[in-house]
Amino acid sequence: MQKQQETLMKKLKRCRVYGPVAYIYAAANTGSWRLERPRVDFKACVKCGTCEKYCPANVIDVKKDQAECVQIDFNYCKGCGICANECPKKCISMIPERSEG
């Protein structure tokens, strides 16, 4: 078995990369096509960080020392509603994007 692995490793060639390769991936502004956006009731929020943990786009920051503790970057929020579904206190609600609330 050892001999087979050694011969296989000798046969494998290293791949060469010709040209530039992206190793840092930047997110595109995706907030323009969102249909619903999250709204946080700051009085009911217990600052547990569950919404931040489950956000697939990683656009939620929970600042425990501020009055408006949950900060959402709406330029990149997809409006998926996972934060509202996972909130244990149900203090996040999804509202239509064009509403004034």
N, C-alpha and C. Protein backbone atom coordinates (compact mmCIF):
# COMPACT_ATOMS: atom_id res chain seq x y z
N MET A 1 0.82 -1.19 0.00
CA MET A 1 0.00 0.00 0.00
C MET A 1 0.87 1.25 0.00
N GLN A 2 1.91 1.25 0.80
CA GLN A 2 2.83 2.38 0.88
C GLN A 2 3.46 2.64 -0.48
N LYS A 3 3.85 1.58 -1.17
CA LYS A 3 4.51 1.72 -2.46
C LYS A 3 3.56 2.31 -3.50
N GLN A 4 2.28 1.92 -3.45
CA GLN A 4 1.30 2.44 -4.38
C GLN A 4 1.10 3.95 -4.17
N GLN A 5 1.06 4.36 -2.92
CA GLN A 5 0.87 5.78 -2.64
C GLN A 5 2.08 6.59 -3.10
N GLU A 6 3.27 6.05 -2.91
CA GLU A 6 4.48 6.76 -3.32
C GLU A 6 4.54 6.92 -4.83
N THR A 7 4.17 5.88 -5.56
CA THR A 7 4.21 5.98 -7.03
C THR A 7 3.13 6.94 -7.52
N LEU A 8 2.00 6.96 -6.86
CA LEU A 8 0.94 7.89 -7.25
C LEU A 8 1.39 9.32 -7.02
N MET A 9 2.03 9.58 -5.91
CA MET A 9 2.49 10.93 -5.60
C MET A 9 3.57 11.39 -6.58
N LYS A 10 4.36 10.48 -7.07
CA LYS A 10 5.39 10.85 -8.04
C LYS A 10 4.77 11.20 -9.39
N LYS A 11 3.66 10.56 -9.71
CA LYS A 11 3.01 10.80 -11.00
C LYS A 11 2.24 12.12 -11.02
N LEU A 12 1.74 12.52 -9.87
CA LEU A 12 0.97 13.75 -9.82
C LEU A 12 1.87 14.96 -10.08
N LYS A 13 1.38 15.84 -10.92
CA LYS A 13 2.14 17.05 -11.23
C LYS A 13 1.49 18.23 -10.52
N ARG A 14 2.29 19.15 -10.20
CA ARG A 14 1.75 20.38 -9.62
C ARG A 14 1.12 21.19 -10.73
N CYS A 15 0.00 21.79 -10.41
CA CYS A 15 -0.63 22.62 -11.42
C CYS A 15 -0.05 24.03 -11.33
N ARG A 16 0.13 24.61 -12.46
CA ARG A 16 0.65 25.97 -12.50
C ARG A 16 -0.49 26.92 -12.86
N VAL A 17 -0.46 28.05 -12.23
CA VAL A 17 -1.48 29.05 -12.48
C VAL A 17 -0.85 30.13 -13.35
N TYR A 18 -1.46 30.35 -14.49
CA TYR A 18 -0.97 31.37 -15.40
C TYR A 18 -1.91 32.57 -15.34
N GLY A 19 -1.42 33.67 -14.86
CA GLY A 19 -2.24 34.87 -14.80
C GLY A 19 -2.71 35.17 -13.40
N PRO A 20 -3.42 36.25 -13.25
CA PRO A 20 -3.89 36.66 -11.91
C PRO A 20 -5.01 35.76 -11.40
N VAL A 21 -5.00 35.53 -10.13
CA VAL A 21 -6.03 34.72 -9.49
C VAL A 21 -6.60 35.52 -8.32
N ALA A 22 -7.91 35.56 -8.23
CA ALA A 22 -8.54 36.29 -7.13
C ALA A 22 -8.50 35.43 -5.87
N TYR A 23 -7.99 35.98 -4.81
CA TYR A 23 -7.99 35.28 -3.54
C TYR A 23 -8.78 36.03 -2.48
N ILE A 24 -9.23 37.22 -2.81
CA ILE A 24 -10.13 37.98 -1.95
C ILE A 24 -11.40 38.21 -2.75
N TYR A 25 -12.51 37.75 -2.21
CA TYR A 25 -13.77 37.87 -2.91
C TYR A 25 -14.60 38.99 -2.27
N ALA A 26 -15.03 39.92 -3.06
CA ALA A 26 -15.81 41.04 -2.57
C ALA A 26 -17.28 40.82 -2.91
N ALA A 27 -18.15 41.20 -2.01
CA ALA A 27 -19.58 41.06 -2.25
C ALA A 27 -20.07 42.22 -3.10
N ALA A 28 -21.06 41.94 -3.91
CA ALA A 28 -21.66 42.98 -4.73
C ALA A 28 -22.85 43.58 -3.99
N ASN A 29 -23.16 44.81 -4.32
CA ASN A 29 -24.29 45.48 -3.70
C ASN A 29 -25.57 44.78 -4.16
N THR A 30 -26.24 44.11 -3.24
CA THR A 30 -27.42 43.32 -3.60
C THR A 30 -28.70 43.84 -2.97
N GLY A 31 -28.64 44.95 -2.28
CA GLY A 31 -29.81 45.46 -1.61
C GLY A 31 -30.86 46.05 -2.53
N SER A 32 -30.52 46.29 -3.80
CA SER A 32 -31.45 46.96 -4.70
C SER A 32 -32.61 46.08 -5.15
N TRP A 33 -32.47 44.76 -5.14
CA TRP A 33 -33.54 43.88 -5.60
C TRP A 33 -34.31 43.22 -4.45
N ARG A 34 -34.06 43.63 -3.24
CA ARG A 34 -34.71 43.06 -2.06
C ARG A 34 -36.19 43.48 -2.03
N LEU A 35 -37.09 42.55 -1.69
CA LEU A 35 -38.52 42.85 -1.60
C LEU A 35 -38.95 43.19 -0.18
N GLU A 36 -38.31 42.57 0.81
CA GLU A 36 -38.61 42.85 2.21
C GLU A 36 -37.31 43.13 2.95
N ARG A 37 -37.42 43.91 4.01
CA ARG A 37 -36.23 44.20 4.81
C ARG A 37 -36.57 44.01 6.27
N PRO A 38 -35.58 43.68 7.09
CA PRO A 38 -35.85 43.48 8.51
C PRO A 38 -35.96 44.79 9.26
N ARG A 39 -36.87 44.82 10.23
CA ARG A 39 -37.01 45.96 11.13
C ARG A 39 -36.89 45.42 12.55
N VAL A 40 -36.08 46.07 13.36
CA VAL A 40 -35.78 45.59 14.71
C VAL A 40 -36.52 46.44 15.73
N ASP A 41 -37.19 45.78 16.67
CA ASP A 41 -37.78 46.45 17.82
C ASP A 41 -36.72 46.45 18.92
N PHE A 42 -36.04 47.59 19.07
CA PHE A 42 -34.89 47.66 19.98
C PHE A 42 -35.28 47.52 21.45
N LYS A 43 -36.53 47.85 21.78
CA LYS A 43 -36.97 47.71 23.17
C LYS A 43 -37.13 46.24 23.56
N ALA A 44 -37.51 45.40 22.61
CA ALA A 44 -37.71 43.97 22.90
C ALA A 44 -36.42 43.16 22.74
N CYS A 45 -35.42 43.73 22.09
CA CYS A 45 -34.18 43.00 21.80
C CYS A 45 -33.38 42.77 23.09
N VAL A 46 -32.90 41.55 23.27
CA VAL A 46 -32.09 41.21 24.44
C VAL A 46 -30.61 41.11 24.09
N LYS A 47 -30.26 41.46 22.85
CA LYS A 47 -28.86 41.50 22.38
C LYS A 47 -28.17 40.15 22.48
N CYS A 48 -28.88 39.09 22.11
CA CYS A 48 -28.32 37.74 22.23
C CYS A 48 -27.36 37.41 21.09
N GLY A 49 -27.50 38.05 19.93
CA GLY A 49 -26.61 37.80 18.82
C GLY A 49 -27.02 36.65 17.92
N THR A 50 -28.21 36.11 18.11
CA THR A 50 -28.66 34.99 17.28
C THR A 50 -28.83 35.42 15.83
N CYS A 51 -29.35 36.61 15.61
CA CYS A 51 -29.55 37.10 14.25
C CYS A 51 -28.20 37.25 13.53
N GLU A 52 -27.21 37.73 14.25
CA GLU A 52 -25.87 37.89 13.68
C GLU A 52 -25.26 36.53 13.34
N LYS A 53 -25.52 35.55 14.17
CA LYS A 53 -24.96 34.21 13.97
C LYS A 53 -25.55 33.52 12.74
N TYR A 54 -26.86 33.68 12.53
CA TYR A 54 -27.52 32.96 11.46
C TYR A 54 -27.61 33.71 10.13
N CYS A 55 -27.20 34.96 10.08
CA CYS A 55 -27.28 35.74 8.84
C CYS A 55 -26.35 35.14 7.78
N PRO A 56 -26.90 34.67 6.65
CA PRO A 56 -26.04 34.05 5.64
C PRO A 56 -25.16 35.06 4.90
N ALA A 57 -25.56 36.32 4.87
CA ALA A 57 -24.78 37.34 4.19
C ALA A 57 -23.80 38.05 5.12
N ASN A 58 -23.88 37.75 6.42
CA ASN A 58 -22.99 38.34 7.42
C ASN A 58 -23.04 39.87 7.40
N VAL A 59 -24.27 40.41 7.41
CA VAL A 59 -24.44 41.87 7.36
C VAL A 59 -25.00 42.44 8.65
N ILE A 60 -25.15 41.63 9.68
CA ILE A 60 -25.71 42.08 10.95
C ILE A 60 -24.62 42.15 12.00
N ASP A 61 -24.56 43.28 12.70
CA ASP A 61 -23.64 43.46 13.82
C ASP A 61 -24.46 43.78 15.06
N VAL A 62 -24.16 43.09 16.15
CA VAL A 62 -24.83 43.35 17.42
C VAL A 62 -23.86 44.09 18.32
N LYS A 63 -24.19 45.33 18.63
CA LYS A 63 -23.37 46.17 19.51
C LYS A 63 -24.08 46.22 20.86
N LYS A 64 -23.58 45.50 21.83
CA LYS A 64 -24.26 45.37 23.11
C LYS A 64 -24.23 46.63 23.96
N ASP A 65 -23.35 47.56 23.65
CA ASP A 65 -23.23 48.76 24.47
C ASP A 65 -23.98 49.96 23.90
N GLN A 66 -24.71 49.78 22.80
CA GLN A 66 -25.44 50.89 22.17
C GLN A 66 -26.95 50.71 22.32
N ALA A 67 -27.68 51.82 22.21
CA ALA A 67 -29.14 51.77 22.33
C ALA A 67 -29.75 51.04 21.12
N GLU A 68 -29.28 51.40 19.92
CA GLU A 68 -29.70 50.67 18.72
C GLU A 68 -28.68 49.56 18.49
N CYS A 69 -28.90 48.47 19.19
CA CYS A 69 -27.89 47.43 19.31
C CYS A 69 -27.69 46.60 18.05
N VAL A 70 -28.70 46.43 17.23
CA VAL A 70 -28.58 45.61 16.02
C VAL A 70 -28.42 46.55 14.83
N GLN A 71 -27.29 46.43 14.15
CA GLN A 71 -27.01 47.25 12.99
C GLN A 71 -26.96 46.36 11.77
N ILE A 72 -27.74 46.70 10.75
CA ILE A 72 -27.85 45.90 9.53
C ILE A 72 -27.36 46.74 8.37
N ASP A 73 -26.46 46.17 7.56
CA ASP A 73 -25.98 46.85 6.36
C ASP A 73 -26.96 46.55 5.23
N PHE A 74 -27.86 47.49 4.97
CA PHE A 74 -28.92 47.27 3.99
C PHE A 74 -28.42 47.29 2.55
N ASN A 75 -27.18 47.72 2.32
CA ASN A 75 -26.63 47.64 0.96
C ASN A 75 -26.40 46.21 0.53
N TYR A 76 -26.20 45.32 1.49
CA TYR A 76 -25.89 43.93 1.17
C TYR A 76 -26.91 42.94 1.71
N CYS A 77 -27.91 43.40 2.45
CA CYS A 77 -28.95 42.52 3.00
C CYS A 77 -29.81 41.99 1.87
N LYS A 78 -30.03 40.69 1.85
CA LYS A 78 -30.81 40.05 0.78
C LYS A 78 -32.31 40.04 1.08
N GLY A 79 -32.68 40.29 2.32
CA GLY A 79 -34.09 40.25 2.69
C GLY A 79 -34.62 38.83 2.80
N CYS A 80 -33.78 37.90 3.19
CA CYS A 80 -34.18 36.49 3.24
C CYS A 80 -35.08 36.18 4.43
N GLY A 81 -34.97 36.94 5.52
CA GLY A 81 -35.83 36.75 6.68
C GLY A 81 -35.35 35.71 7.67
N ILE A 82 -34.17 35.18 7.48
CA ILE A 82 -33.64 34.18 8.42
C ILE A 82 -33.44 34.80 9.79
N CYS A 83 -33.01 36.04 9.84
CA CYS A 83 -32.82 36.71 11.14
C CYS A 83 -34.15 36.81 11.89
N ALA A 84 -35.23 37.12 11.18
CA ALA A 84 -36.54 37.22 11.82
C ALA A 84 -37.03 35.85 12.28
N ASN A 85 -36.76 34.82 11.52
CA ASN A 85 -37.19 33.47 11.89
C ASN A 85 -36.42 32.92 13.08
N GLU A 86 -35.15 33.27 13.20
CA GLU A 86 -34.30 32.70 14.24
C GLU A 86 -34.31 33.50 15.54
N CYS A 87 -34.82 34.70 15.53
CA CYS A 87 -34.81 35.54 16.73
C CYS A 87 -35.67 34.91 17.82
N PRO A 88 -35.10 34.63 19.00
CA PRO A 88 -35.88 33.98 20.06
C PRO A 88 -36.94 34.89 20.67
N LYS A 89 -36.76 36.18 20.63
CA LYS A 89 -37.74 37.13 21.19
C LYS A 89 -38.71 37.66 20.13
N LYS A 90 -38.50 37.29 18.87
CA LYS A 90 -39.33 37.73 17.74
C LYS A 90 -39.40 39.25 17.67
N CYS A 91 -38.27 39.91 17.91
CA CYS A 91 -38.23 41.36 17.85
C CYS A 91 -37.82 41.87 16.46
N ILE A 92 -37.55 40.96 15.53
CA ILE A 92 -37.25 41.34 14.15
C ILE A 92 -38.44 40.95 13.29
N SER A 93 -38.95 41.90 12.55
CA SER A 93 -40.05 41.62 11.63
C SER A 93 -39.64 42.05 10.23
N MET A 94 -40.21 41.40 9.25
CA MET A 94 -39.93 41.72 7.86
C MET A 94 -41.02 42.65 7.35
N ILE A 95 -40.62 43.78 6.81
CA ILE A 95 -41.57 44.75 6.28
C ILE A 95 -41.29 44.94 4.79
N PRO A 96 -42.29 45.36 4.01
CA PRO A 96 -42.04 45.60 2.57
C PRO A 96 -40.97 46.66 2.37
N GLU A 97 -40.19 46.50 1.35
CA GLU A 97 -39.03 47.37 1.11
C GLU A 97 -39.44 48.83 0.90
N ARG A 98 -40.52 49.08 0.24
CA ARG A 98 -40.92 50.43 -0.08
C ARG A 98 -41.73 51.12 1.02
N SER A 99 -41.93 50.45 2.13
CA SER A 99 -42.70 51.07 3.23
C SER A 99 -41.83 52.09 3.96
N GLU A 100 -42.44 52.94 4.72
CA GLU A 100 -41.71 54.01 5.39
C GLU A 100 -41.24 53.62 6.80
N GLY A 101 -41.69 52.48 7.35
CA GLY A 101 -41.34 52.07 8.70
C GLY A 101 -39.97 51.64 8.81
